[in-house]
């Protein structure tokens, strides 16, 4: 799918307050390789996008081409969290609660 928007909010699991400065790594799997080969039976290419949440715990990006997306969240003092992957659609939304170590 083309032009997939990925967005999410990250919160502290204890008090539900937004978490800023969370490192968000988005892994985007594609059916199209970097050299243009397409095979809809397997993922041939991938992209790794790194973002940081804002003061509201929000992040977003646009993926030009996508088949499957998953997200890894990291913040000092919190357990690393990996969101379950989602198949691409025009808008992919994550809402994550992170636990203190």
C-alpha atoms as a PDB file:
ATOM      1  CA  UNK A   1       0.000   0.000   0.000  1.00  0.00           C
ATOM      2  CA  UNK A   2       1.178   3.533  -0.713  1.00  0.00           C
ATOM      3  CA  UNK A   3       1.264   6.587   1.559  1.00  0.00           C
ATOM      4  CA  UNK A   4       0.571   4.892   4.868  1.00  0.00           C
ATOM      5  CA  UNK A   5       0.402   7.201   7.894  1.00  0.00           C
ATOM      6  CA  UNK A   6       1.689   5.714  11.158  1.00  0.00           C
ATOM      7  CA  UNK A   7       0.884   7.568  14.355  1.00  0.00           C
ATOM      8  CA  UNK A   8       0.666   6.872  18.034  1.00  0.00           C
ATOM      9  CA  UNK A   9       0.605   8.061  21.613  1.00  0.00           C
ATOM     10  CA  UNK A  10       2.774   6.716  24.423  1.00  0.00           C
ATOM     11  CA  UNK A  11       1.726   6.840  28.092  1.00  0.00           C
ATOM     12  CA  UNK A  12       3.092   5.834  31.490  1.00  0.00           C
ATOM     13  CA  UNK A  13       1.195   2.696  32.548  1.00  0.00           C
ATOM     14  CA  UNK A  14       1.065   3.794  36.224  1.00  0.00           C
ATOM     15  CA  UNK A  15      -0.532   7.206  35.859  1.00  0.00           C
ATOM     16  CA  UNK A  16      -1.608   7.382  32.181  1.00  0.00           C
ATOM     17  CA  UNK A  17       0.410  10.571  31.647  1.00  0.00           C
ATOM     18  CA  UNK A  18       1.946  11.131  28.194  1.00  0.00           C
ATOM     19  CA  UNK A  19       5.624  10.205  27.855  1.00  0.00           C
ATOM     20  CA  UNK A  20       7.836  12.613  25.939  1.00  0.00           C
ATOM     21  CA  UNK A  21      11.278  11.851  24.500  1.00  0.00           C
ATOM     22  CA  UNK A  22      10.476   8.188  23.873  1.00  0.00           C
ATOM     23  CA  UNK A  23      12.613   6.733  21.078  1.00  0.00           C
ATOM     24  CA  UNK A  24      10.205   5.248  18.531  1.00  0.00           C
ATOM     25  CA  UNK A  25      11.653   2.862  15.945  1.00  0.00           C
ATOM     26  CA  UNK A  26       9.260   2.020  13.129  1.00  0.00           C
ATOM     27  CA  UNK A  27      10.116  -1.049  11.074  1.00  0.00           C
ATOM     28  CA  UNK A  28       8.377  -1.033   7.709  1.00  0.00           C
ATOM     29  CA  UNK A  29       8.335  -4.237   5.643  1.00  0.00           C
ATOM     30  CA  UNK A  30       7.711  -3.908   1.896  1.00  0.00           C
ATOM     31  CA  UNK A  31       6.887  -6.263  -0.984  1.00  0.00           C
ATOM     32  CA  UNK A  32       9.188  -4.155  -3.175  1.00  0.00           C
ATOM     33  CA  UNK A  33      12.969  -4.450  -2.883  1.00  0.00           C
ATOM     34  CA  UNK A  34      15.330  -1.487  -2.933  1.00  0.00           C
ATOM     35  CA  UNK A  35      16.194  -2.321  -6.565  1.00  0.00           C
ATOM     36  CA  UNK A  36      12.529  -2.382  -7.659  1.00  0.00           C
ATOM     37  CA  UNK A  37      11.772  -6.126  -7.666  1.00  0.00           C
ATOM     38  CA  UNK A  38       8.219  -6.918  -6.458  1.00  0.00           C
ATOM     39  CA  UNK A  39       6.995 -10.208  -4.994  1.00  0.00           C
ATOM     40  CA  UNK A  40       3.704 -10.248  -3.075  1.00  0.00           C
ATOM     41  CA  UNK A  41       4.553 -13.608  -1.466  1.00  0.00           C
ATOM     42  CA  UNK A  42       7.406 -12.253   0.672  1.00  0.00           C
ATOM     43  CA  UNK A  43       8.867  -9.063   2.116  1.00  0.00           C
ATOM     44  CA  UNK A  44      11.789  -7.962  -0.050  1.00  0.00           C
ATOM     45  CA  UNK A  45      12.614  -4.606   1.469  1.00  0.00           C
ATOM     46  CA  UNK A  46      12.396  -2.814   4.756  1.00  0.00           C
ATOM     47  CA  UNK A  47      12.841   0.628   6.198  1.00  0.00           C
ATOM     48  CA  UNK A  48      13.802   1.707   9.701  1.00  0.00           C
ATOM     49  CA  UNK A  49      12.509   5.104  10.816  1.00  0.00           C
ATOM     50  CA  UNK A  50      13.462   6.599  14.182  1.00  0.00           C
ATOM     51  CA  UNK A  51      11.360   9.288  15.852  1.00  0.00           C
ATOM     52  CA  UNK A  52      11.013  10.901  19.283  1.00  0.00           C
ATOM     53  CA  UNK A  53       7.656  11.553  20.979  1.00  0.00           C
ATOM     54  CA  UNK A  54       6.661  15.153  21.682  1.00  0.00           C
ATOM     55  CA  UNK A  55       5.339  16.616  24.969  1.00  0.00           C
ATOM     56  CA  UNK A  56       1.962  14.937  24.386  1.00  0.00           C
ATOM     57  CA  UNK A  57       3.629  11.537  23.839  1.00  0.00           C
ATOM     58  CA  UNK A  58       2.723  11.730  20.130  1.00  0.00           C
ATOM     59  CA  UNK A  59       4.650  10.594  17.057  1.00  0.00           C
ATOM     60  CA  UNK A  60       3.820  10.208  13.362  1.00  0.00           C
ATOM     61  CA  UNK A  61       5.333   9.580   9.955  1.00  0.00           C
ATOM     62  CA  UNK A  62       4.285   8.771   6.388  1.00  0.00           C
ATOM     63  CA  UNK A  63       5.554   5.603   4.688  1.00  0.00           C
ATOM     64  CA  UNK A  64       5.672   5.821   0.886  1.00  0.00           C
ATOM     65  CA  UNK A  65       5.154   2.078   0.444  1.00  0.00           C
ATOM     66  CA  UNK A  66       4.296  -0.470   3.087  1.00  0.00           C
ATOM     67  CA  UNK A  67       3.024  -4.011   3.647  1.00  0.00           C
ATOM     68  CA  UNK A  68       3.565  -4.598   7.382  1.00  0.00           C
ATOM     69  CA  UNK A  69       4.581  -2.273  10.224  1.00  0.00           C
ATOM     70  CA  UNK A  70       5.755  -2.769  13.781  1.00  0.00           C
ATOM     71  CA  UNK A  71       7.043  -0.356  16.399  1.00  0.00           C
ATOM     72  CA  UNK A  72       9.687  -0.571  19.137  1.00  0.00           C
ATOM     73  CA  UNK A  73       9.554   1.970  22.002  1.00  0.00           C
ATOM     74  CA  UNK A  74      12.481   2.792  24.303  1.00  0.00           C
ATOM     75  CA  UNK A  75      12.872   5.257  27.156  1.00  0.00           C
ATOM     76  CA  UNK A  76      15.378   5.337  29.987  1.00  0.00           C
ATOM     77  CA  UNK A  77      13.813   3.991  33.184  1.00  0.00           C
ATOM     78  CA  UNK A  78      11.138   2.054  31.249  1.00  0.00           C
ATOM     79  CA  UNK A  79      10.968  -1.462  29.851  1.00  0.00           C
ATOM     80  CA  UNK A  80      11.454  -1.618  26.078  1.00  0.00           C
ATOM     81  CA  UNK A  81       8.119  -2.326  24.428  1.00  0.00           C
ATOM     82  CA  UNK A  82       7.406  -3.806  21.008  1.00  0.00           C
ATOM     83  CA  UNK A  83       3.983  -3.239  19.513  1.00  0.00           C
ATOM     84  CA  UNK A  84       2.410  -6.141  17.658  1.00  0.00           C
ATOM     85  CA  UNK A  85       2.804  -5.649  13.949  1.00  0.00           C
ATOM     86  CA  UNK A  86      -0.046  -4.460  11.772  1.00  0.00           C
ATOM     87  CA  UNK A  87      -0.735  -4.932   8.078  1.00  0.00           C
ATOM     88  CA  UNK A  88      -0.580  -1.699   6.124  1.00  0.00           C
ATOM     89  CA  UNK A  89      -3.659   0.412   5.593  1.00  0.00           C
ATOM     90  CA  UNK A  90      -3.999   4.159   4.977  1.00  0.00           C
ATOM     91  CA  UNK A  91      -3.796   4.921   8.723  1.00  0.00           C
ATOM     92  CA  UNK A  92      -2.157   2.789  11.410  1.00  0.00           C
ATOM     93  CA  UNK A  93      -2.698   3.990  14.986  1.00  0.00           C
ATOM     94  CA  UNK A  94      -0.900   2.750  18.105  1.00  0.00           C
ATOM     95  CA  UNK A  95      -1.728   3.581  21.741  1.00  0.00           C
ATOM     96  CA  UNK A  96       0.982   2.278  24.064  1.00  0.00           C
ATOM     97  CA  UNK A  97       1.373   2.149  27.832  1.00  0.00           C
ATOM     98  CA  UNK A  98       4.974   1.657  28.969  1.00  0.00           C
ATOM     99  CA  UNK A  99       5.967   0.067  32.288  1.00  0.00           C
ATOM    100  CA  UNK A 100       8.677   1.382  34.599  1.00  0.00           C
ATOM    101  CA  UNK A 101      11.635  -0.998  35.001  1.00  0.00           C
END
